Amino acid sequence: GKGKYQFEVNASYGKDRIADAGSTVRTVGSGLVANLTYGAAEALDVF
């Protein structure tokens, strides 16, 4: 909506595993994402 804001903070934790030839590779990771959105018009946001 025009003139309004939204602020998001999202966190995650991910893991992956690949196995072959008797060996296993494990990958883990985490992250934070900050997103700021502004209503430039009733039907238009910018972020």
ModelCIF file with pLDDT and N, C-alpha, C, O atoms, coordinates in Angstrom:
data_MODEL
#
_entry.id   MODEL 
#
_entity.id                         1 
_entity.type                       polymer 
_entity.pdbx_number_of_molecules   1 
#
_entity_poly.entity_id                      1 
_entity_poly.type                           'polypeptide(L)' 
_entity_poly.nstd_linkage                   no 
_entity_poly.nstd_monomer                   no 
_entity_poly.pdbx_seq_one_letter_code       GKGKYQFEVNASYGKDRIADAGSTVRTVGSGLVANLTYGAAEALDVF 
_entity_poly.pdbx_seq_one_letter_code_can   GKGKYQFEVNASYGKDRIADAGSTVRTVGSGLVANLTYGAAEALDVF 
_entity_poly.pdbx_strand_id                 A 
#
loop_
_entity_poly_seq.entity_id 
_entity_poly_seq.num 
_entity_poly_seq.mon_id 
_entity_poly_seq.hetero 
1 1  GLY n 
1 2  LYS n 
1 3  GLY n 
1 4  LYS n 
1 5  TYR n 
1 6  GLN n 
1 7  PHE n 
1 8  GLU n 
1 9  VAL n 
1 10 ASN n 
1 11 ALA n 
1 12 SER n 
1 13 TYR n 
1 14 GLY n 
1 15 LYS n 
1 16 ASP n 
1 17 ARG n 
1 18 ILE n 
1 19 ALA n 
1 20 ASP n 
1 21 ALA n 
1 22 GLY n 
1 23 SER n 
1 24 THR n 
1 25 VAL n 
1 26 ARG n 
1 27 THR n 
1 28 VAL n 
1 29 GLY n 
1 30 SER n 
1 31 GLY n 
1 32 LEU n 
1 33 VAL n 
1 34 ALA n 
1 35 ASN n 
1 36 LEU n 
1 37 THR n 
1 38 TYR n 
1 39 GLY n 
1 40 ALA n 
1 41 ALA n 
1 42 GLU n 
1 43 ALA n 
1 44 LEU n 
1 45 ASP n 
1 46 VAL n 
1 47 PHE n 
#
_struct_asym.id          A 
_struct_asym.entity_id   1 
#
loop_
_ma_qa_metric.id 
_ma_qa_metric.mode 
_ma_qa_metric.name 
_ma_qa_metric.software_group_id 
_ma_qa_metric.type 
1 global pLDDT . pLDDT 
2 local  pLDDT . pLDDT 
#
_ma_qa_metric_global.metric_id      1 
_ma_qa_metric_global.metric_value   88.11 
_ma_qa_metric_global.model_id       1 
_ma_qa_metric_global.ordinal_id     1 
#
loop_
_ma_qa_metric_local.label_asym_id 
_ma_qa_metric_local.label_comp_id 
_ma_qa_metric_local.label_seq_id 
_ma_qa_metric_local.metric_id 
_ma_qa_metric_local.metric_value 
_ma_qa_metric_local.model_id 
_ma_qa_metric_local.ordinal_id 
A GLY 1  2 96.00 1 1  
A LYS 2  2 97.00 1 2  
A GLY 3  2 98.00 1 3  
A LYS 4  2 98.00 1 4  
A TYR 5  2 98.00 1 5  
A GLN 6  2 97.00 1 6  
A PHE 7  2 97.00 1 7  
A GLU 8  2 96.00 1 8  
A VAL 9  2 95.00 1 9  
A ASN 10 2 93.00 1 10 
A ALA 11 2 92.00 1 11 
A SER 12 2 90.00 1 12 
A TYR 13 2 89.00 1 13 
A GLY 14 2 86.00 1 14 
A LYS 15 2 85.00 1 15 
A ASP 16 2 83.00 1 16 
A ARG 17 2 80.00 1 17 
A ILE 18 2 74.00 1 18 
A ALA 19 2 69.00 1 19 
A ASP 20 2 62.00 1 20 
A ALA 21 2 58.00 1 21 
A GLY 22 2 63.00 1 22 
A SER 23 2 67.00 1 23 
A THR 24 2 74.00 1 24 
A VAL 25 2 73.00 1 25 
A ARG 26 2 78.00 1 26 
A THR 27 2 79.00 1 27 
A VAL 28 2 82.00 1 28 
A GLY 29 2 82.00 1 29 
A SER 30 2 84.00 1 30 
A GLY 31 2 86.00 1 31 
A LEU 32 2 90.00 1 32 
A VAL 33 2 91.00 1 33 
A ALA 34 2 94.00 1 34 
A ASN 35 2 95.00 1 35 
A LEU 36 2 97.00 1 36 
A THR 37 2 97.00 1 37 
A TYR 38 2 98.00 1 38 
A GLY 39 2 97.00 1 39 
A ALA 40 2 98.00 1 40 
A ALA 41 2 98.00 1 41 
A GLU 42 2 97.00 1 42 
A ALA 43 2 98.00 1 43 
A LEU 44 2 98.00 1 44 
A ASP 45 2 98.00 1 45 
A VAL 46 2 97.00 1 46 
A PHE 47 2 97.00 1 47 
#
loop_
_atom_site.group_PDB 
_atom_site.id 
_atom_site.type_symbol 
_atom_site.label_atom_id 
_atom_site.label_alt_id 
_atom_site.label_comp_id 
_atom_site.label_asym_id 
_atom_site.label_entity_id 
_atom_site.label_seq_id 
_atom_site.pdbx_PDB_ins_code 
_atom_site.Cartn_x 
_atom_site.Cartn_y 
_atom_site.Cartn_z 
_atom_site.occupancy 
_atom_site.B_iso_or_equiv 
_atom_site.pdbx_formal_charge 
_atom_site.auth_seq_id 
_atom_site.auth_comp_id 
_atom_site.auth_asym_id 
_atom_site.auth_atom_id 
_atom_site.pdbx_PDB_model_num 
ATOM 1   N N  . GLY A 1 1  ? 0.843  -1.198  0.000  1.00 96.00 ? 1  GLY A N  1 
ATOM 2   C CA . GLY A 1 1  ? 0.000  0.000   0.000  1.00 96.00 ? 1  GLY A CA 1 
ATOM 3   C C  . GLY A 1 1  ? 0.873  1.241   0.000  1.00 96.00 ? 1  GLY A C  1 
ATOM 4   O O  . GLY A 1 1  ? 1.970  1.231   0.559  1.00 96.00 ? 1  GLY A O  1 
ATOM 5   N N  . LYS A 1 2  ? 0.399  2.299   -0.618 1.00 97.00 ? 2  LYS A N  1 
ATOM 6   C CA . LYS A 1 2  ? 1.200  3.507   -0.799 1.00 97.00 ? 2  LYS A CA 1 
ATOM 7   C C  . LYS A 1 2  ? 1.693  4.085   0.528  1.00 97.00 ? 2  LYS A C  1 
ATOM 8   O O  . LYS A 1 2  ? 0.914  4.309   1.454  1.00 97.00 ? 2  LYS A O  1 
ATOM 9   N N  . GLY A 1 3  ? 3.009  4.321   0.599  1.00 98.00 ? 3  GLY A N  1 
ATOM 10  C CA . GLY A 1 3  ? 3.623  4.944   1.751  1.00 98.00 ? 3  GLY A CA 1 
ATOM 11  C C  . GLY A 1 3  ? 3.907  4.018   2.914  1.00 98.00 ? 3  GLY A C  1 
ATOM 12  O O  . GLY A 1 3  ? 4.394  4.475   3.948  1.00 98.00 ? 3  GLY A O  1 
ATOM 13  N N  . LYS A 1 4  ? 3.618  2.726   2.782  1.00 98.00 ? 4  LYS A N  1 
ATOM 14  C CA . LYS A 1 4  ? 3.830  1.778   3.879  1.00 98.00 ? 4  LYS A CA 1 
ATOM 15  C C  . LYS A 1 4  ? 5.100  0.950   3.654  1.00 98.00 ? 4  LYS A C  1 
ATOM 16  O O  . LYS A 1 4  ? 5.556  0.770   2.525  1.00 98.00 ? 4  LYS A O  1 
ATOM 17  N N  . TYR A 1 5  ? 5.657  0.449   4.771  1.00 98.00 ? 5  TYR A N  1 
ATOM 18  C CA . TYR A 1 5  ? 6.889  -0.319  4.738  1.00 98.00 ? 5  TYR A CA 1 
ATOM 19  C C  . TYR A 1 5  ? 6.673  -1.726  5.291  1.00 98.00 ? 5  TYR A C  1 
ATOM 20  O O  . TYR A 1 5  ? 5.761  -1.974  6.080  1.00 98.00 ? 5  TYR A O  1 
ATOM 21  N N  . GLN A 1 6  ? 7.529  -2.624  4.857  1.00 97.00 ? 6  GLN A N  1 
ATOM 22  C CA . GLN A 1 6  ? 7.613  -3.955  5.456  1.00 97.00 ? 6  GLN A CA 1 
ATOM 23  C C  . GLN A 1 6  ? 9.080  -4.312  5.610  1.00 97.00 ? 6  GLN A C  1 
ATOM 24  O O  . GLN A 1 6  ? 9.875  -4.131  4.688  1.00 97.00 ? 6  GLN A O  1 
ATOM 25  N N  . PHE A 1 7  ? 9.434  -4.824  6.790  1.00 97.00 ? 7  PHE A N  1 
ATOM 26  C CA . PHE A 1 7  ? 10.817 -5.241  7.055  1.00 97.00 ? 7  PHE A CA 1 
ATOM 27  C C  . PHE A 1 7  ? 10.810 -6.695  7.500  1.00 97.00 ? 7  PHE A C  1 
ATOM 28  O O  . PHE A 1 7  ? 10.098 -7.067  8.433  1.00 97.00 ? 7  PHE A O  1 
ATOM 29  N N  . GLU A 1 8  ? 11.609 -7.514  6.825  1.00 96.00 ? 8  GLU A N  1 
ATOM 30  C CA . GLU A 1 8  ? 11.689 -8.940  7.129  1.00 96.00 ? 8  GLU A CA 1 
ATOM 31  C C  . GLU A 1 8  ? 13.118 -9.323  7.511  1.00 96.00 ? 8  GLU A C  1 
ATOM 32  O O  . GLU A 1 8  ? 14.084 -8.832  6.927  1.00 96.00 ? 8  GLU A O  1 
ATOM 33  N N  . VAL A 1 9  ? 13.232 -10.198 8.489  1.00 95.00 ? 9  VAL A N  1 
ATOM 34  C CA . VAL A 1 9  ? 14.499 -10.846 8.814  1.00 95.00 ? 9  VAL A CA 1 
ATOM 35  C C  . VAL A 1 9  ? 14.240 -12.348 8.835  1.00 95.00 ? 9  VAL A C  1 
ATOM 36  O O  . VAL A 1 9  ? 13.467 -12.839 9.658  1.00 95.00 ? 9  VAL A O  1 
ATOM 37  N N  . ASN A 1 10 ? 14.888 -13.076 7.928  1.00 93.00 ? 10 ASN A N  1 
ATOM 38  C CA . ASN A 1 10 ? 14.678 -14.510 7.799  1.00 93.00 ? 10 ASN A CA 1 
ATOM 39  C C  . ASN A 1 10 ? 15.985 -15.257 8.029  1.00 93.00 ? 10 ASN A C  1 
ATOM 40  O O  . ASN A 1 10 ? 17.037 -14.853 7.533  1.00 93.00 ? 10 ASN A O  1 
ATOM 41  N N  . ALA A 1 11 ? 15.910 -16.346 8.782  1.00 92.00 ? 11 ALA A N  1 
ATOM 42  C CA . ALA A 1 11 ? 17.087 -17.160 9.092  1.00 92.00 ? 11 ALA A CA 1 
ATOM 43  C C  . ALA A 1 11 ? 16.887 -18.571 8.571  1.00 92.00 ? 11 ALA A C  1 
ATOM 44  O O  . ALA A 1 11 ? 15.756 -19.036 8.430  1.00 92.00 ? 11 ALA A O  1 
ATOM 45  N N  . SER A 1 12 ? 17.989 -19.250 8.286  1.00 90.00 ? 12 SER A N  1 
ATOM 46  C CA . SER A 1 12 ? 17.902 -20.621 7.785  1.00 90.00 ? 12 SER A CA 1 
ATOM 47  C C  . SER A 1 12 ? 19.122 -21.433 8.199  1.00 90.00 ? 12 SER A C  1 
ATOM 48  O O  . SER A 1 12 ? 20.188 -20.900 8.504  1.00 90.00 ? 12 SER A O  1 
ATOM 49  N N  . TYR A 1 13 ? 18.918 -22.734 8.196  1.00 89.00 ? 13 TYR A N  1 
ATOM 50  C CA . TYR A 1 13 ? 20.011 -23.678 8.404  1.00 89.00 ? 13 TYR A CA 1 
ATOM 51  C C  . TYR A 1 13 ? 19.791 -24.821 7.424  1.00 89.00 ? 13 TYR A C  1 
ATOM 52  O O  . TYR A 1 13 ? 18.744 -25.469 7.448  1.00 89.00 ? 13 TYR A O  1 
ATOM 53  N N  . GLY A 1 14 ? 20.775 -25.073 6.560  1.00 86.00 ? 14 GLY A N  1 
ATOM 54  C CA . GLY A 1 14 ? 20.636 -26.106 5.546  1.00 86.00 ? 14 GLY A CA 1 
ATOM 55  C C  . GLY A 1 14 ? 21.778 -27.095 5.575  1.00 86.00 ? 14 GLY A C  1 
ATOM 56  O O  . GLY A 1 14 ? 22.889 -26.763 5.986  1.00 86.00 ? 14 GLY A O  1 
ATOM 57  N N  . LYS A 1 15 ? 21.498 -28.331 5.130  1.00 85.00 ? 15 LYS A N  1 
ATOM 58  C CA . LYS A 1 15 ? 22.550 -29.343 5.039  1.00 85.00 ? 15 LYS A CA 1 
ATOM 59  C C  . LYS A 1 15 ? 22.317 -30.227 3.822  1.00 85.00 ? 15 LYS A C  1 
ATOM 60  O O  . LYS A 1 15 ? 21.181 -30.472 3.414  1.00 85.00 ? 15 LYS A O  1 
ATOM 61  N N  . ASP A 1 16 ? 23.426 -30.700 3.254  1.00 83.00 ? 16 ASP A N  1 
ATOM 62  C CA . ASP A 1 16 ? 23.374 -31.521 2.052  1.00 83.00 ? 16 ASP A CA 1 
ATOM 63  C C  . ASP A 1 16 ? 24.423 -32.616 2.162  1.00 83.00 ? 16 ASP A C  1 
ATOM 64  O O  . ASP A 1 16 ? 25.420 -32.456 2.866  1.00 83.00 ? 16 ASP A O  1 
ATOM 65  N N  . ARG A 1 17 ? 24.201 -33.741 1.460  1.00 80.00 ? 17 ARG A N  1 
ATOM 66  C CA . ARG A 1 17 ? 25.096 -34.890 1.539  1.00 80.00 ? 17 ARG A CA 1 
ATOM 67  C C  . ARG A 1 17 ? 25.224 -35.522 0.160  1.00 80.00 ? 17 ARG A C  1 
ATOM 68  O O  . ARG A 1 17 ? 24.224 -35.778 -0.510 1.00 80.00 ? 17 ARG A O  1 
ATOM 69  N N  . ILE A 1 18 ? 26.465 -35.772 -0.258 1.00 74.00 ? 18 ILE A N  1 
ATOM 70  C CA . ILE A 1 18 ? 26.745 -36.455 -1.517 1.00 74.00 ? 18 ILE A CA 1 
ATOM 71  C C  . ILE A 1 18 ? 27.666 -37.630 -1.212 1.00 74.00 ? 18 ILE A C  1 
ATOM 72  O O  . ILE A 1 18 ? 28.710 -37.456 -0.584 1.00 74.00 ? 18 ILE A O  1 
ATOM 73  N N  . ALA A 1 19 ? 27.285 -38.820 -1.653 1.00 69.00 ? 19 ALA A N  1 
ATOM 74  C CA . ALA A 1 19 ? 28.079 -40.006 -1.377 1.00 69.00 ? 19 ALA A CA 1 
ATOM 75  C C  . ALA A 1 19 ? 28.394 -40.746 -2.669 1.00 69.00 ? 19 ALA A C  1 
ATOM 76  O O  . ALA A 1 19 ? 27.525 -40.930 -3.521 1.00 69.00 ? 19 ALA A O  1 
ATOM 77  N N  . ASP A 1 20 ? 29.670 -41.176 -2.807 1.00 62.00 ? 20 ASP A N  1 
ATOM 78  C CA . ASP A 1 20 ? 30.100 -41.932 -3.978 1.00 62.00 ? 20 ASP A CA 1 
ATOM 79  C C  . ASP A 1 20 ? 31.512 -42.438 -3.709 1.00 62.00 ? 20 ASP A C  1 
ATOM 80  O O  . ASP A 1 20 ? 32.264 -41.823 -2.953 1.00 62.00 ? 20 ASP A O  1 
ATOM 81  N N  . ALA A 1 21 ? 31.866 -43.545 -4.323 1.00 58.00 ? 21 ALA A N  1 
ATOM 82  C CA . ALA A 1 21 ? 33.228 -44.078 -4.260 1.00 58.00 ? 21 ALA A CA 1 
ATOM 83  C C  . ALA A 1 21 ? 33.703 -44.269 -2.819 1.00 58.00 ? 21 ALA A C  1 
ATOM 84  O O  . ALA A 1 21 ? 34.887 -44.098 -2.529 1.00 58.00 ? 21 ALA A O  1 
ATOM 85  N N  . GLY A 1 22 ? 32.784 -44.625 -1.916 1.00 63.00 ? 22 GLY A N  1 
ATOM 86  C CA . GLY A 1 22 ? 33.165 -44.877 -0.540 1.00 63.00 ? 22 GLY A CA 1 
ATOM 87  C C  . GLY A 1 22 ? 33.459 -43.635 0.261  1.00 63.00 ? 22 GLY A C  1 
ATOM 88  O O  . GLY A 1 22 ? 33.925 -43.732 1.397  1.00 63.00 ? 22 GLY A O  1 
ATOM 89  N N  . SER A 1 23 ? 33.198 -42.458 -0.305 1.00 67.00 ? 23 SER A N  1 
ATOM 90  C CA . SER A 1 23 ? 33.446 -41.203 0.396  1.00 67.00 ? 23 SER A CA 1 
ATOM 91  C C  . SER A 1 23 ? 32.172 -40.381 0.436  1.00 67.00 ? 23 SER A C  1 
ATOM 92  O O  . SER A 1 23 ? 31.340 -40.465 -0.468 1.00 67.00 ? 23 SER A O  1 
ATOM 93  N N  . THR A 1 24 ? 32.019 -39.581 1.494  1.00 74.00 ? 24 THR A N  1 
ATOM 94  C CA . THR A 1 24 ? 30.835 -38.753 1.656  1.00 74.00 ? 24 THR A CA 1 
ATOM 95  C C  . THR A 1 24 ? 31.239 -37.308 1.901  1.00 74.00 ? 24 THR A C  1 
ATOM 96  O O  . THR A 1 24 ? 32.059 -37.019 2.772  1.00 74.00 ? 24 THR A O  1 
ATOM 97  N N  . VAL A 1 25 ? 30.654 -36.408 1.126  1.00 73.00 ? 25 VAL A N  1 
ATOM 98  C CA . VAL A 1 25 ? 30.876 -34.975 1.320  1.00 73.00 ? 25 VAL A CA 1 
ATOM 99  C C  . VAL A 1 25 ? 29.607 -34.387 1.936  1.00 73.00 ? 25 VAL A C  1 
ATOM 100 O O  . VAL A 1 25 ? 28.509 -34.569 1.409  1.00 73.00 ? 25 VAL A O  1 
ATOM 101 N N  . ARG A 1 26 ? 29.770 -33.683 3.053  1.00 78.00 ? 26 ARG A N  1 
ATOM 102 C CA . ARG A 1 26 ? 28.658 -33.050 3.745  1.00 78.00 ? 26 ARG A CA 1 
ATOM 103 C C  . ARG A 1 26 ? 28.853 -31.537 3.718  1.00 78.00 ? 26 ARG A C  1 
ATOM 104 O O  . ARG A 1 26 ? 29.937 -31.030 4.008  1.00 78.00 ? 26 ARG A O  1 
ATOM 105 N N  . THR A 1 27 ? 27.796 -30.838 3.369  1.00 79.00 ? 27 THR A N  1 
ATOM 106 C CA . THR A 1 27 ? 27.828 -29.377 3.337  1.00 79.00 ? 27 THR A CA 1 
ATOM 107 C C  . THR A 1 27 ? 26.749 -28.844 4.265  1.00 79.00 ? 27 THR A C  1 
ATOM 108 O O  . THR A 1 27 ? 25.600 -29.279 4.201  1.00 79.00 ? 27 THR A O  1 
ATOM 109 N N  . VAL A 1 28 ? 27.110 -27.916 5.116  1.00 82.00 ? 28 VAL A N  1 
ATOM 110 C CA . VAL A 1 28 ? 26.143 -27.261 5.992  1.00 82.00 ? 28 VAL A CA 1 
ATOM 111 C C  . VAL A 1 28 ? 26.304 -25.758 5.829  1.00 82.00 ? 28 VAL A C  1 
ATOM 112 O O  . VAL A 1 28 ? 27.370 -25.265 5.462  1.00 82.00 ? 28 VAL A O  1 
ATOM 113 N N  . GLY A 1 29 ? 25.225 -25.042 6.110  1.00 82.00 ? 29 GLY A N  1 
ATOM 114 C CA . GLY A 1 29 ? 25.297 -23.591 5.997  1.00 82.00 ? 29 GLY A CA 1 
ATOM 115 C C  . GLY A 1 29 ? 24.139 -22.935 6.711  1.00 82.00 ? 29 GLY A C  1 
ATOM 116 O O  . GLY A 1 29 ? 23.117 -23.567 6.980  1.00 82.00 ? 29 GLY A O  1 
ATOM 117 N N  . SER A 1 30 ? 24.305 -21.679 7.011  1.00 84.00 ? 30 SER A N  1 
ATOM 118 C CA . SER A 1 30 ? 23.235 -20.908 7.629  1.00 84.00 ? 30 SER A CA 1 
ATOM 119 C C  . SER A 1 30 ? 23.291 -19.499 7.068  1.00 84.00 ? 30 SER A C  1 
ATOM 120 O O  . SER A 1 30 ? 24.287 -19.103 6.462  1.00 84.00 ? 30 SER A O  1 
ATOM 121 N N  . GLY A 1 31 ? 22.224 -18.747 7.269  1.00 86.00 ? 31 GLY A N  1 
ATOM 122 C CA . GLY A 1 31 ? 22.221 -17.401 6.721  1.00 86.00 ? 31 GLY A CA 1 
ATOM 123 C C  . GLY A 1 31 ? 21.123 -16.547 7.313  1.00 86.00 ? 31 GLY A C  1 
ATOM 124 O O  . GLY A 1 31 ? 20.167 -17.042 7.909  1.00 86.00 ? 31 GLY A O  1 
ATOM 125 N N  . LEU A 1 32 ? 21.290 -15.240 7.129  1.00 90.00 ? 32 LEU A N  1 
ATOM 126 C CA . LEU A 1 32 ? 20.280 -14.256 7.487  1.00 90.00 ? 32 LEU A CA 1 
ATOM 127 C C  . LEU A 1 32 ? 20.008 -13.398 6.262  1.00 90.00 ? 32 LEU A C  1 
ATOM 128 O O  . LEU A 1 32 ? 20.932 -13.024 5.539  1.00 90.00 ? 32 LEU A O  1 
ATOM 129 N N  . VAL A 1 33 ? 18.741 -13.089 6.033  1.00 91.00 ? 33 VAL A N  1 
ATOM 130 C CA . VAL A 1 33 ? 18.365 -12.220 4.927  1.00 91.00 ? 33 VAL A CA 1 
ATOM 131 C C  . VAL A 1 33 ? 17.513 -11.084 5.479  1.00 91.00 ? 33 VAL A C  1 
ATOM 132 O O  . VAL A 1 33 ? 16.494 -11.323 6.128  1.00 91.00 ? 33 VAL A O  1 
ATOM 133 N N  . ALA A 1 34 ? 17.930 -9.853  5.221  1.00 94.00 ? 34 ALA A N  1 
ATOM 134 C CA . ALA A 1 34 ? 17.152 -8.676  5.615  1.00 94.00 ? 34 ALA A CA 1 
ATOM 135 C C  . ALA A 1 34 ? 16.538 -8.071  4.364  1.00 94.00 ? 34 ALA A C  1 
ATOM 136 O O  . ALA A 1 34 ? 17.241 -7.798  3.391  1.00 94.00 ? 34 ALA A O  1 
ATOM 137 N N  . ASN A 1 35 ? 15.218 -7.860  4.390  1.00 95.00 ? 35 ASN A N  1 
ATOM 138 C CA . ASN A 1 35 ? 14.498 -7.344  3.225  1.00 95.00 ? 35 ASN A CA 1 
ATOM 139 C C  . ASN A 1 35 ? 13.654 -6.153  3.641  1.00 95.00 ? 35 ASN A C  1 
ATOM 140 O O  . ASN A 1 35 ? 12.834 -6.253  4.554  1.00 95.00 ? 35 ASN A O  1 
ATOM 141 N N  . LEU A 1 36 ? 13.855 -5.026  2.974  1.00 97.00 ? 36 LEU A N  1 
ATOM 142 C CA . LEU A 1 36 ? 13.048 -3.824  3.220  1.00 97.00 ? 36 LEU A CA 1 
ATOM 143 C C  . LEU A 1 36 ? 12.233 -3.523  1.978  1.00 97.00 ? 36 LEU A C  1 
ATOM 144 O O  . LEU A 1 36 ? 12.785 -3.368  0.889  1.00 97.00 ? 36 LEU A O  1 
ATOM 145 N N  . THR A 1 37 ? 10.895 -3.438  2.141  1.00 97.00 ? 37 THR A N  1 
ATOM 146 C CA . THR A 1 37 ? 9.974  -3.182  1.045  1.00 97.00 ? 37 THR A CA 1 
ATOM 147 C C  . THR A 1 37 ? 9.212  -1.890  1.309  1.00 97.00 ? 37 THR A C  1 
ATOM 148 O O  . THR A 1 37 ? 8.796  -1.623  2.437  1.00 97.00 ? 37 THR A O  1 
ATOM 149 N N  . TYR A 1 38 ? 9.035  -1.090  0.259  1.00 98.00 ? 38 TYR A N  1 
ATOM 150 C CA . TYR A 1 38 ? 8.310  0.176   0.371  1.00 98.00 ? 38 TYR A CA 1 
ATOM 151 C C  . TYR A 1 38 ? 7.186  0.214   -0.654 1.00 98.00 ? 38 TYR A C  1 
ATOM 152 O O  . TYR A 1 38 ? 7.388  -0.131  -1.818 1.00 98.00 ? 38 TYR A O  1 
ATOM 153 N N  . GLY A 1 39 ? 5.992  0.636   -0.216 1.00 97.00 ? 39 GLY A N  1 
ATOM 154 C CA . GLY A 1 39 ? 4.864  0.760   -1.124 1.00 97.00 ? 39 GLY A CA 1 
ATOM 155 C C  . GLY A 1 39 ? 4.916  2.072   -1.882 1.00 97.00 ? 39 GLY A C  1 
ATOM 156 O O  . GLY A 1 39 ? 4.516  3.113   -1.361 1.00 97.00 ? 39 GLY A O  1 
ATOM 157 N N  . ALA A 1 40 ? 5.408  2.023   -3.112 1.00 98.00 ? 40 ALA A N  1 
ATOM 158 C CA . ALA A 1 40 ? 5.499  3.239   -3.928 1.00 98.00 ? 40 ALA A CA 1 
ATOM 159 C C  . ALA A 1 40 ? 4.126  3.685   -4.419 1.00 98.00 ? 40 ALA A C  1 
ATOM 160 O O  . ALA A 1 40 ? 3.909  4.867   -4.686 1.00 98.00 ? 40 ALA A O  1 
ATOM 161 N N  . ALA A 1 41 ? 3.202  2.734   -4.537 1.00 98.00 ? 41 ALA A N  1 
ATOM 162 C CA . ALA A 1 41 ? 1.811  3.004   -4.909 1.00 98.00 ? 41 ALA A CA 1 
ATOM 163 C C  . ALA A 1 41 ? 0.978  1.873   -4.338 1.00 98.00 ? 41 ALA A C  1 
ATOM 164 O O  . ALA A 1 41 ? 1.528  0.920   -3.787 1.00 98.00 ? 41 ALA A O  1 
ATOM 165 N N  . GLU A 1 42 ? -0.340 1.962   -4.460 1.00 97.00 ? 42 GLU A N  1 
ATOM 166 C CA . GLU A 1 42 ? -1.196 0.930   -3.878 1.00 97.00 ? 42 GLU A CA 1 
ATOM 167 C C  . GLU A 1 42 ? -0.882 -0.450  -4.433 1.00 97.00 ? 42 GLU A C  1 
ATOM 168 O O  . GLU A 1 42 ? -0.970 -1.443  -3.711 1.00 97.00 ? 42 GLU A O  1 
ATOM 169 N N  . ALA A 1 43 ? -0.516 -0.524  -5.708 1.00 98.00 ? 43 ALA A N  1 
ATOM 170 C CA . ALA A 1 43 ? -0.270 -1.816  -6.346 1.00 98.00 ? 43 ALA A CA 1 
ATOM 171 C C  . ALA A 1 43 ? 1.185  -1.975  -6.787 1.00 98.00 ? 43 ALA A C  1 
ATOM 172 O O  . ALA A 1 43 ? 1.488  -2.834  -7.615 1.00 98.00 ? 43 ALA A O  1 
ATOM 173 N N  . LEU A 1 44 ? 2.087  -1.153  -6.242 1.00 98.00 ? 44 LEU A N  1 
ATOM 174 C CA . LEU A 1 44 ? 3.492  -1.195  -6.657 1.00 98.00 ? 44 LEU A CA 1 
ATOM 175 C C  . LEU A 1 44 ? 4.416  -1.123  -5.445 1.00 98.00 ? 44 LEU A C  1 
ATOM 176 O O  . LEU A 1 44 ? 4.373  -0.164  -4.674 1.00 98.00 ? 44 LEU A O  1 
ATOM 177 N N  . ASP A 1 45 ? 5.245  -2.142  -5.287 1.00 98.00 ? 45 ASP A N  1 
ATOM 178 C CA . ASP A 1 45 ? 6.268  -2.180  -4.239 1.00 98.00 ? 45 ASP A CA 1 
ATOM 179 C C  . ASP A 1 45 ? 7.656  -2.098  -4.862 1.00 98.00 ? 45 ASP A C  1 
ATOM 180 O O  . ASP A 1 45 ? 7.869  -2.544  -5.989 1.00 98.00 ? 45 ASP A O  1 
ATOM 181 N N  . VAL A 1 46 ? 8.597  -1.524  -4.116 1.00 97.00 ? 46 VAL A N  1 
ATOM 182 C CA . VAL A 1 46 ? 10.014 -1.604  -4.453 1.00 97.00 ? 46 VAL A CA 1 
ATOM 183 C C  . VAL A 1 46 ? 10.722 -2.189  -3.241 1.00 97.00 ? 46 VAL A C  1 
ATOM 184 O O  . VAL A 1 46 ? 10.275 -1.999  -2.110 1.00 97.00 ? 46 VAL A O  1 
ATOM 185 N N  . PHE A 1 47 ? 11.828 -2.903  -3.467 1.00 97.00 ? 47 PHE A N  1 
ATOM 186 C CA . PHE A 1 47 ? 12.478 -3.582  -2.356 1.00 97.00 ? 47 PHE A CA 1 
ATOM 187 C C  . PHE A 1 47 ? 13.989 -3.643  -2.545 1.00 97.00 ? 47 PHE A C  1 
ATOM 188 O O  . PHE A 1 47 ? 14.696 -4.186  -1.696 1.00 97.00 ? 47 PHE A O  1 
#
